[in-house]
């Protein structure tokens, strides 16, 4: 099964947003043509995310969510198809429970995997994203539908006891 995980990143504080965006775009792991922004440019993502936060008075506390997608080691998917799938996943994340900025970067330094940094402030309302266990489970279920279309193994989902099929 594929793994879609949420990184703690020390609470995703604003102080670490810039460094995290630099980290996922670093050229020893990523390639410029495999970086994608939904609602945000690839070149100026930090300033654009901060502009949204400051516009809504939300430039404090948790600043972002950092997700990592790892397909199974045995998956054999072409880079272009993997990127296309990543773009579809980024768009899904961007419109999950609102309208958020998402930066996707595919890493090639180890096993092929994806990083997503999501601004936790809704572009339209200024509300903060509240991603609890139930919401994370629902997000993974939606993303699993995308990865299945690309013949990639489904995402491992640990359902909270109150989520029923």
N, C-alpha and C. Protein backbone atom coordinates (compact mmCIF):
# COMPACT_ATOMS: atom_id res chain seq x y z
N UNK A 1 0.83 -1.18 0.00
CA UNK A 1 0.00 0.00 0.00
C UNK A 1 0.88 1.25 0.00
N UNK A 2 0.35 2.30 -0.59
CA UNK A 2 1.03 3.59 -0.58
C UNK A 2 0.82 4.25 0.78
N UNK A 3 1.69 5.20 1.09
CA UNK A 3 1.59 5.91 2.37
C UNK A 3 1.47 7.40 2.10
N UNK A 4 0.47 8.02 2.72
CA UNK A 4 0.27 9.46 2.68
C UNK A 4 0.32 9.92 4.13
N UNK A 5 1.38 10.65 4.49
CA UNK A 5 1.56 11.01 5.89
C UNK A 5 1.61 12.52 6.08
N UNK A 6 1.27 12.92 7.30
CA UNK A 6 1.34 14.33 7.70
C UNK A 6 2.57 14.46 8.58
N UNK A 7 3.50 15.32 8.17
CA UNK A 7 4.71 15.55 8.96
C UNK A 7 4.39 16.54 10.07
N UNK A 8 4.98 16.33 11.24
CA UNK A 8 4.74 17.23 12.37
C UNK A 8 5.42 18.58 12.17
N UNK A 9 6.66 18.59 11.70
CA UNK A 9 7.38 19.84 11.43
C UNK A 9 7.30 20.83 12.60
N UNK A 10 7.40 20.32 13.80
CA UNK A 10 7.39 21.17 15.01
C UNK A 10 6.15 22.05 15.05
N UNK A 11 5.02 21.48 14.70
CA UNK A 11 3.76 22.21 14.77
C UNK A 11 3.48 23.07 13.54
N UNK A 12 4.34 23.04 12.53
CA UNK A 12 4.10 23.82 11.32
C UNK A 12 4.05 25.31 11.58
N UNK A 13 4.91 25.79 12.44
CA UNK A 13 4.91 27.21 12.82
C UNK A 13 5.34 28.10 11.66
N UNK A 14 4.87 29.33 11.70
CA UNK A 14 5.19 30.31 10.65
C UNK A 14 6.70 30.47 10.48
N UNK A 15 7.43 30.39 11.57
CA UNK A 15 8.88 30.58 11.51
C UNK A 15 9.56 29.54 10.63
N UNK A 16 8.92 28.38 10.43
CA UNK A 16 9.55 27.32 9.64
C UNK A 16 8.98 27.21 8.22
N UNK A 17 7.97 28.01 7.86
CA UNK A 17 7.35 27.91 6.54
C UNK A 17 8.36 28.17 5.42
N UNK A 18 9.13 29.22 5.52
CA UNK A 18 10.10 29.55 4.47
C UNK A 18 11.11 28.41 4.28
N UNK A 19 11.67 27.94 5.38
CA UNK A 19 12.66 26.85 5.31
C UNK A 19 12.05 25.58 4.72
N UNK A 20 10.81 25.29 5.05
CA UNK A 20 10.16 24.08 4.55
C UNK A 20 9.92 24.19 3.04
N UNK A 21 9.51 25.36 2.56
CA UNK A 21 9.32 25.56 1.12
C UNK A 21 10.65 25.42 0.38
N UNK A 22 11.71 25.96 0.96
CA UNK A 22 13.05 25.82 0.35
C UNK A 22 13.45 24.35 0.34
N UNK A 23 13.20 23.66 1.44
CA UNK A 23 13.57 22.25 1.56
C UNK A 23 12.92 21.40 0.47
N UNK A 24 11.61 21.56 0.26
CA UNK A 24 10.96 20.66 -0.70
C UNK A 24 11.32 21.00 -2.14
N UNK A 25 11.83 22.22 -2.39
CA UNK A 25 12.20 22.62 -3.75
C UNK A 25 13.70 22.51 -4.02
N UNK A 26 14.47 22.03 -3.06
CA UNK A 26 15.93 22.02 -3.23
C UNK A 26 16.33 21.19 -4.45
N UNK A 27 17.29 21.70 -5.17
CA UNK A 27 17.66 21.12 -6.46
C UNK A 27 18.44 19.80 -6.37
N UNK A 28 18.93 19.43 -5.21
CA UNK A 28 19.59 18.13 -5.10
C UNK A 28 18.57 17.00 -4.97
N UNK A 29 17.28 17.36 -4.79
CA UNK A 29 16.23 16.35 -4.67
C UNK A 29 15.14 16.52 -5.71
N UNK A 30 14.82 17.76 -6.07
CA UNK A 30 13.70 18.04 -6.97
C UNK A 30 14.21 18.58 -8.31
N UNK A 31 13.32 18.64 -9.28
CA UNK A 31 13.61 19.24 -10.58
C UNK A 31 12.52 20.28 -10.83
N UNK A 32 12.90 21.43 -11.36
CA UNK A 32 11.97 22.54 -11.52
C UNK A 32 10.71 22.15 -12.30
N UNK A 33 10.83 21.31 -13.30
CA UNK A 33 9.66 20.95 -14.10
C UNK A 33 8.76 19.93 -13.40
N UNK A 34 9.10 19.52 -12.17
CA UNK A 34 8.26 18.63 -11.38
C UNK A 34 7.84 19.29 -10.07
N UNK A 35 7.71 20.61 -10.12
CA UNK A 35 7.19 21.39 -8.99
C UNK A 35 5.94 22.10 -9.50
N UNK A 36 4.89 22.11 -8.71
CA UNK A 36 3.60 22.64 -9.16
C UNK A 36 2.93 23.41 -8.02
N UNK A 37 2.30 24.51 -8.35
CA UNK A 37 1.55 25.27 -7.37
C UNK A 37 0.08 25.37 -7.74
N UNK A 38 -0.77 25.12 -6.78
CA UNK A 38 -2.21 25.33 -6.93
C UNK A 38 -2.57 26.55 -6.10
N UNK A 39 -2.97 27.62 -6.76
CA UNK A 39 -3.32 28.85 -6.06
C UNK A 39 -2.10 29.63 -5.59
N UNK A 40 -0.93 29.19 -6.03
CA UNK A 40 0.32 29.82 -5.61
C UNK A 40 1.36 29.57 -6.70
N UNK A 41 2.25 30.54 -6.91
CA UNK A 41 3.29 30.34 -7.91
C UNK A 41 4.44 29.51 -7.33
N UNK A 42 5.15 28.86 -8.19
CA UNK A 42 6.31 28.06 -7.78
C UNK A 42 7.45 28.98 -7.35
N UNK A 43 7.60 30.09 -8.01
CA UNK A 43 8.72 31.00 -7.78
C UNK A 43 8.58 31.83 -6.51
N UNK A 44 7.36 32.24 -6.17
CA UNK A 44 7.16 33.19 -5.08
C UNK A 44 6.18 32.65 -4.03
N UNK A 45 6.20 31.35 -3.79
CA UNK A 45 5.20 30.72 -2.94
C UNK A 45 5.19 31.24 -1.51
N UNK A 46 6.35 31.49 -0.92
CA UNK A 46 6.38 31.97 0.47
C UNK A 46 5.68 33.32 0.59
N UNK A 47 6.05 34.26 -0.25
CA UNK A 47 5.44 35.60 -0.16
C UNK A 47 3.94 35.55 -0.42
N UNK A 48 3.52 34.72 -1.35
CA UNK A 48 2.10 34.61 -1.65
C UNK A 48 1.32 33.97 -0.51
N UNK A 49 1.88 32.95 0.12
CA UNK A 49 1.22 32.34 1.26
C UNK A 49 1.15 33.31 2.43
N UNK A 50 2.23 34.04 2.65
CA UNK A 50 2.24 35.02 3.74
C UNK A 50 1.26 36.16 3.47
N UNK A 51 1.11 36.56 2.22
CA UNK A 51 0.17 37.62 1.87
C UNK A 51 -1.26 37.21 2.26
N UNK A 52 -1.62 35.96 1.98
CA UNK A 52 -2.95 35.47 2.35
C UNK A 52 -3.11 35.50 3.86
N UNK A 53 -2.11 35.02 4.58
CA UNK A 53 -2.16 35.02 6.05
C UNK A 53 -2.31 36.43 6.61
N UNK A 54 -1.48 37.33 6.12
CA UNK A 54 -1.50 38.71 6.62
C UNK A 54 -2.79 39.42 6.24
N UNK A 55 -3.33 39.14 5.06
CA UNK A 55 -4.58 39.77 4.62
C UNK A 55 -5.75 39.43 5.55
N UNK A 56 -5.73 38.25 6.11
CA UNK A 56 -6.80 37.82 7.00
C UNK A 56 -6.40 37.90 8.49
N UNK A 57 -5.25 38.50 8.79
CA UNK A 57 -4.81 38.59 10.19
C UNK A 57 -4.52 37.23 10.79
N UNK A 58 -4.06 36.30 9.97
CA UNK A 58 -3.81 34.92 10.41
C UNK A 58 -2.32 34.58 10.35
N UNK A 59 -1.46 35.56 10.60
CA UNK A 59 -0.02 35.33 10.52
C UNK A 59 0.56 34.96 11.88
N UNK A 60 -0.06 33.99 12.51
CA UNK A 60 0.38 33.50 13.83
C UNK A 60 0.05 32.01 13.91
N UNK A 61 0.66 31.33 14.86
CA UNK A 61 0.34 29.92 15.11
C UNK A 61 0.73 28.98 13.98
N UNK A 62 0.01 27.90 13.87
CA UNK A 62 0.27 26.90 12.83
C UNK A 62 0.10 27.56 11.48
N UNK A 63 1.07 27.32 10.58
CA UNK A 63 1.09 28.03 9.30
C UNK A 63 0.80 27.14 8.11
N UNK A 64 1.01 25.85 8.23
CA UNK A 64 0.91 24.98 7.06
C UNK A 64 0.78 23.52 7.49
N UNK A 65 0.40 22.70 6.51
CA UNK A 65 0.45 21.26 6.64
C UNK A 65 1.46 20.74 5.63
N UNK A 66 2.26 19.79 6.05
CA UNK A 66 3.27 19.17 5.19
C UNK A 66 2.89 17.71 5.05
N UNK A 67 2.54 17.32 3.83
CA UNK A 67 2.19 15.94 3.53
C UNK A 67 3.28 15.31 2.67
N UNK A 68 3.46 14.01 2.82
CA UNK A 68 4.38 13.26 1.98
C UNK A 68 3.63 12.04 1.45
N UNK A 69 3.75 11.81 0.13
CA UNK A 69 3.15 10.63 -0.49
C UNK A 69 4.28 9.73 -0.97
N UNK A 70 4.26 8.48 -0.50
CA UNK A 70 5.23 7.46 -0.89
C UNK A 70 4.48 6.28 -1.49
N UNK A 71 4.67 6.00 -2.78
CA UNK A 71 4.08 4.79 -3.33
C UNK A 71 4.86 3.57 -2.82
N UNK A 72 4.30 2.40 -3.01
CA UNK A 72 5.01 1.18 -2.63
C UNK A 72 6.34 1.10 -3.36
N UNK A 73 7.31 0.48 -2.74
CA UNK A 73 8.64 0.31 -3.38
C UNK A 73 8.54 -0.40 -4.71
N UNK A 74 7.55 -1.26 -4.85
CA UNK A 74 7.45 -2.07 -6.06
C UNK A 74 6.74 -1.37 -7.21
N UNK A 75 6.19 -0.17 -6.96
CA UNK A 75 5.46 0.54 -8.00
C UNK A 75 6.41 0.93 -9.13
N UNK A 76 5.96 0.77 -10.35
CA UNK A 76 6.75 1.16 -11.51
C UNK A 76 5.91 2.15 -12.31
N UNK A 77 6.11 3.43 -12.02
CA UNK A 77 5.32 4.48 -12.67
C UNK A 77 6.28 5.47 -13.32
N UNK A 78 5.96 5.88 -14.53
CA UNK A 78 6.81 6.84 -15.24
C UNK A 78 6.74 8.20 -14.55
N UNK A 79 7.83 8.95 -14.65
CA UNK A 79 7.92 10.26 -13.98
C UNK A 79 6.81 11.20 -14.42
N UNK A 80 6.52 11.26 -15.71
CA UNK A 80 5.47 12.16 -16.21
C UNK A 80 4.10 11.79 -15.64
N UNK A 81 3.82 10.51 -15.60
CA UNK A 81 2.55 10.05 -15.06
C UNK A 81 2.48 10.31 -13.55
N UNK A 82 3.59 10.12 -12.86
CA UNK A 82 3.66 10.39 -11.42
C UNK A 82 3.40 11.87 -11.16
N UNK A 83 3.99 12.74 -11.98
CA UNK A 83 3.77 14.18 -11.85
C UNK A 83 2.30 14.53 -12.13
N UNK A 84 1.74 13.96 -13.17
CA UNK A 84 0.34 14.21 -13.50
C UNK A 84 -0.57 13.80 -12.33
N UNK A 85 -0.26 12.66 -11.73
CA UNK A 85 -1.02 12.21 -10.57
C UNK A 85 -0.84 13.18 -9.41
N UNK A 86 0.40 13.67 -9.21
CA UNK A 86 0.67 14.63 -8.15
C UNK A 86 -0.10 15.92 -8.32
N UNK A 87 -0.20 16.40 -9.55
CA UNK A 87 -0.98 17.62 -9.83
C UNK A 87 -2.45 17.38 -9.46
N UNK A 88 -2.99 16.23 -9.85
CA UNK A 88 -4.38 15.91 -9.50
C UNK A 88 -4.56 15.85 -7.98
N UNK A 89 -3.56 15.28 -7.29
CA UNK A 89 -3.62 15.21 -5.82
C UNK A 89 -3.54 16.61 -5.21
N UNK A 90 -2.65 17.46 -5.74
CA UNK A 90 -2.51 18.83 -5.23
C UNK A 90 -3.81 19.61 -5.40
N UNK A 91 -4.46 19.44 -6.54
CA UNK A 91 -5.73 20.13 -6.77
C UNK A 91 -6.81 19.62 -5.83
N UNK A 92 -6.80 18.33 -5.56
CA UNK A 92 -7.77 17.76 -4.62
C UNK A 92 -7.55 18.33 -3.22
N UNK A 93 -6.29 18.36 -2.79
CA UNK A 93 -5.95 18.90 -1.48
C UNK A 93 -6.35 20.38 -1.40
N UNK A 94 -6.08 21.13 -2.47
CA UNK A 94 -6.36 22.57 -2.50
C UNK A 94 -7.85 22.86 -2.33
N UNK A 95 -8.70 21.94 -2.74
CA UNK A 95 -10.14 22.18 -2.67
C UNK A 95 -10.84 21.28 -1.66
N UNK A 96 -10.07 20.66 -0.79
CA UNK A 96 -10.62 19.81 0.26
C UNK A 96 -11.00 20.71 1.44
N UNK A 97 -12.26 20.76 1.77
CA UNK A 97 -12.76 21.56 2.91
C UNK A 97 -12.55 23.06 2.73
N UNK A 98 -12.41 23.54 1.52
CA UNK A 98 -12.22 24.97 1.30
C UNK A 98 -11.42 25.22 0.04
N UNK A 99 -10.61 26.28 0.09
CA UNK A 99 -9.79 26.67 -1.07
C UNK A 99 -8.43 27.11 -0.54
N UNK A 100 -7.43 26.26 -0.70
CA UNK A 100 -6.12 26.48 -0.09
C UNK A 100 -5.01 26.50 -1.13
N UNK A 101 -3.91 27.14 -0.78
CA UNK A 101 -2.72 27.15 -1.63
C UNK A 101 -1.92 25.87 -1.33
N UNK A 102 -1.46 25.21 -2.39
CA UNK A 102 -0.69 23.98 -2.23
C UNK A 102 0.51 24.02 -3.16
N UNK A 103 1.67 23.71 -2.62
CA UNK A 103 2.88 23.58 -3.43
C UNK A 103 3.28 22.11 -3.42
N UNK A 104 3.43 21.53 -4.61
CA UNK A 104 3.84 20.13 -4.79
C UNK A 104 5.26 20.10 -5.30
N UNK A 105 6.06 19.19 -4.78
CA UNK A 105 7.41 18.96 -5.30
C UNK A 105 7.68 17.46 -5.29
N UNK A 106 8.12 16.94 -6.42
CA UNK A 106 8.47 15.53 -6.50
C UNK A 106 9.97 15.40 -6.25
N UNK A 107 10.32 14.48 -5.38
CA UNK A 107 11.73 14.24 -5.05
C UNK A 107 12.23 12.97 -5.73
N UNK A 108 13.43 13.08 -6.24
CA UNK A 108 14.08 11.99 -6.96
C UNK A 108 15.33 11.49 -6.23
N UNK A 109 15.69 12.10 -5.08
CA UNK A 109 16.95 11.78 -4.41
C UNK A 109 16.97 10.39 -3.80
N UNK A 110 15.84 9.90 -3.37
CA UNK A 110 15.73 8.53 -2.86
C UNK A 110 14.61 7.89 -3.68
N UNK A 111 13.85 7.02 -3.08
CA UNK A 111 12.70 6.48 -3.79
C UNK A 111 11.80 7.65 -4.21
N UNK A 112 11.26 7.60 -5.40
CA UNK A 112 10.37 8.63 -5.93
C UNK A 112 9.24 8.89 -4.94
N UNK A 113 9.09 10.16 -4.51
CA UNK A 113 8.02 10.51 -3.58
C UNK A 113 7.64 11.97 -3.78
N UNK A 114 6.54 12.38 -3.17
CA UNK A 114 6.01 13.74 -3.32
C UNK A 114 5.92 14.43 -1.97
N UNK A 115 6.16 15.74 -2.00
CA UNK A 115 5.92 16.61 -0.84
C UNK A 115 4.84 17.61 -1.23
N UNK A 116 3.95 17.88 -0.30
CA UNK A 116 2.92 18.91 -0.47
C UNK A 116 3.00 19.84 0.74
N UNK A 117 3.11 21.14 0.50
CA UNK A 117 2.98 22.13 1.57
C UNK A 117 1.67 22.87 1.31
N UNK A 118 0.77 22.84 2.29
CA UNK A 118 -0.54 23.47 2.16
C UNK A 118 -0.66 24.61 3.15
N UNK A 119 -0.92 25.81 2.64
CA UNK A 119 -1.23 26.94 3.51
C UNK A 119 -2.54 26.60 4.22
N UNK A 120 -2.58 26.76 5.52
CA UNK A 120 -3.77 26.36 6.26
C UNK A 120 -4.83 27.46 6.35
N UNK A 121 -4.67 28.54 5.59
CA UNK A 121 -5.65 29.62 5.58
C UNK A 121 -6.43 29.58 4.27
N UNK A 122 -7.74 29.52 4.36
CA UNK A 122 -8.61 29.46 3.18
C UNK A 122 -8.50 30.77 2.40
N UNK A 123 -8.27 30.67 1.10
CA UNK A 123 -8.12 31.84 0.24
C UNK A 123 -9.37 32.70 0.20
N UNK A 124 -10.54 32.08 0.30
CA UNK A 124 -11.79 32.81 0.15
C UNK A 124 -12.36 33.35 1.46
N UNK A 125 -12.17 32.62 2.54
CA UNK A 125 -12.81 33.00 3.80
C UNK A 125 -11.85 33.47 4.88
N UNK A 126 -10.57 33.11 4.76
CA UNK A 126 -9.60 33.44 5.80
C UNK A 126 -9.67 32.50 7.00
N UNK A 127 -10.52 31.50 6.93
CA UNK A 127 -10.65 30.53 8.03
C UNK A 127 -9.47 29.56 8.01
N UNK A 128 -9.13 29.08 9.20
CA UNK A 128 -8.06 28.09 9.33
C UNK A 128 -8.59 26.69 9.03
N UNK A 129 -7.76 25.89 8.38
CA UNK A 129 -8.09 24.49 8.13
C UNK A 129 -7.96 23.74 9.45
N UNK A 130 -8.96 22.96 9.76
CA UNK A 130 -8.91 22.12 10.95
C UNK A 130 -8.88 20.67 10.48
N UNK A 131 -7.72 20.08 10.50
CA UNK A 131 -7.52 18.73 9.98
C UNK A 131 -7.36 17.75 11.13
N UNK A 132 -8.49 17.23 11.60
CA UNK A 132 -8.46 16.20 12.63
C UNK A 132 -8.34 14.82 12.01
N UNK A 133 -8.42 13.80 12.83
CA UNK A 133 -8.28 12.42 12.33
C UNK A 133 -9.37 12.06 11.32
N UNK A 134 -10.59 12.46 11.58
CA UNK A 134 -11.69 12.15 10.66
C UNK A 134 -11.50 12.82 9.31
N UNK A 135 -11.08 14.08 9.33
CA UNK A 135 -10.84 14.81 8.08
C UNK A 135 -9.66 14.22 7.33
N UNK A 136 -8.60 13.84 8.04
CA UNK A 136 -7.44 13.22 7.40
C UNK A 136 -7.85 11.90 6.74
N UNK A 137 -8.67 11.13 7.40
CA UNK A 137 -9.16 9.88 6.83
C UNK A 137 -9.96 10.16 5.55
N UNK A 138 -10.83 11.16 5.58
CA UNK A 138 -11.63 11.52 4.40
C UNK A 138 -10.72 12.00 3.27
N UNK A 139 -9.68 12.77 3.60
CA UNK A 139 -8.73 13.24 2.60
C UNK A 139 -8.04 12.05 1.94
N UNK A 140 -7.59 11.09 2.74
CA UNK A 140 -6.90 9.91 2.20
C UNK A 140 -7.83 9.08 1.31
N UNK A 141 -9.09 8.99 1.67
CA UNK A 141 -10.05 8.24 0.85
C UNK A 141 -10.18 8.90 -0.51
N UNK A 142 -10.31 10.24 -0.54
CA UNK A 142 -10.40 10.95 -1.81
C UNK A 142 -9.14 10.82 -2.65
N UNK A 143 -7.99 10.91 -2.01
CA UNK A 143 -6.72 10.78 -2.72
C UNK A 143 -6.52 9.36 -3.26
N UNK A 144 -7.04 8.38 -2.54
CA UNK A 144 -6.93 6.99 -3.00
C UNK A 144 -7.64 6.81 -4.34
N UNK A 145 -8.76 7.50 -4.53
CA UNK A 145 -9.46 7.42 -5.81
C UNK A 145 -8.58 7.94 -6.94
N UNK A 146 -7.80 8.97 -6.67
CA UNK A 146 -6.90 9.53 -7.68
C UNK A 146 -5.77 8.54 -7.99
N UNK A 147 -5.11 8.03 -6.97
CA UNK A 147 -3.97 7.13 -7.23
C UNK A 147 -4.40 5.85 -7.92
N UNK A 148 -5.59 5.39 -7.66
CA UNK A 148 -6.10 4.19 -8.34
C UNK A 148 -6.25 4.42 -9.84
N UNK A 149 -6.62 5.64 -10.23
CA UNK A 149 -6.76 5.95 -11.66
C UNK A 149 -5.42 5.83 -12.39
N UNK A 150 -4.33 5.96 -11.65
CA UNK A 150 -2.98 5.86 -12.22
C UNK A 150 -2.36 4.48 -11.96
N UNK A 151 -3.19 3.56 -11.51
CA UNK A 151 -2.76 2.18 -11.25
C UNK A 151 -1.65 2.11 -10.22
N UNK A 152 -1.75 2.98 -9.22
CA UNK A 152 -0.84 2.99 -8.08
C UNK A 152 -1.62 2.41 -6.90
N UNK A 153 -0.93 1.67 -6.05
CA UNK A 153 -1.61 1.01 -4.93
C UNK A 153 -2.30 2.04 -4.03
N UNK A 154 -3.43 1.65 -3.45
CA UNK A 154 -4.20 2.58 -2.62
C UNK A 154 -3.43 3.03 -1.38
N UNK A 155 -3.87 4.13 -0.84
CA UNK A 155 -3.24 4.70 0.36
C UNK A 155 -3.72 3.94 1.59
N UNK A 156 -2.79 3.62 2.46
CA UNK A 156 -3.12 2.96 3.72
C UNK A 156 -3.94 3.94 4.56
N UNK A 157 -5.10 3.48 5.02
CA UNK A 157 -5.99 4.34 5.79
C UNK A 157 -6.30 3.66 7.12
N UNK A 158 -6.03 4.37 8.19
CA UNK A 158 -6.41 3.92 9.52
C UNK A 158 -7.65 4.72 9.88
N UNK A 159 -8.79 4.06 9.83
CA UNK A 159 -10.05 4.76 10.05
C UNK A 159 -10.30 4.94 11.55
N UNK A 160 -10.66 6.16 11.93
CA UNK A 160 -11.11 6.34 13.32
C UNK A 160 -12.38 5.51 13.54
N UNK A 161 -12.65 5.15 14.76
CA UNK A 161 -13.79 4.27 15.05
C UNK A 161 -15.11 4.87 14.62
N UNK A 162 -15.21 6.18 14.49
CA UNK A 162 -16.49 6.79 14.16
C UNK A 162 -16.68 7.01 12.65
N UNK A 163 -15.72 6.57 11.82
CA UNK A 163 -15.88 6.64 10.37
C UNK A 163 -16.40 5.28 9.90
N UNK A 164 -17.55 5.27 9.30
CA UNK A 164 -18.14 4.02 8.82
C UNK A 164 -18.20 4.03 7.31
N UNK A 165 -18.02 2.87 6.69
CA UNK A 165 -18.13 2.76 5.22
C UNK A 165 -19.57 2.68 4.81
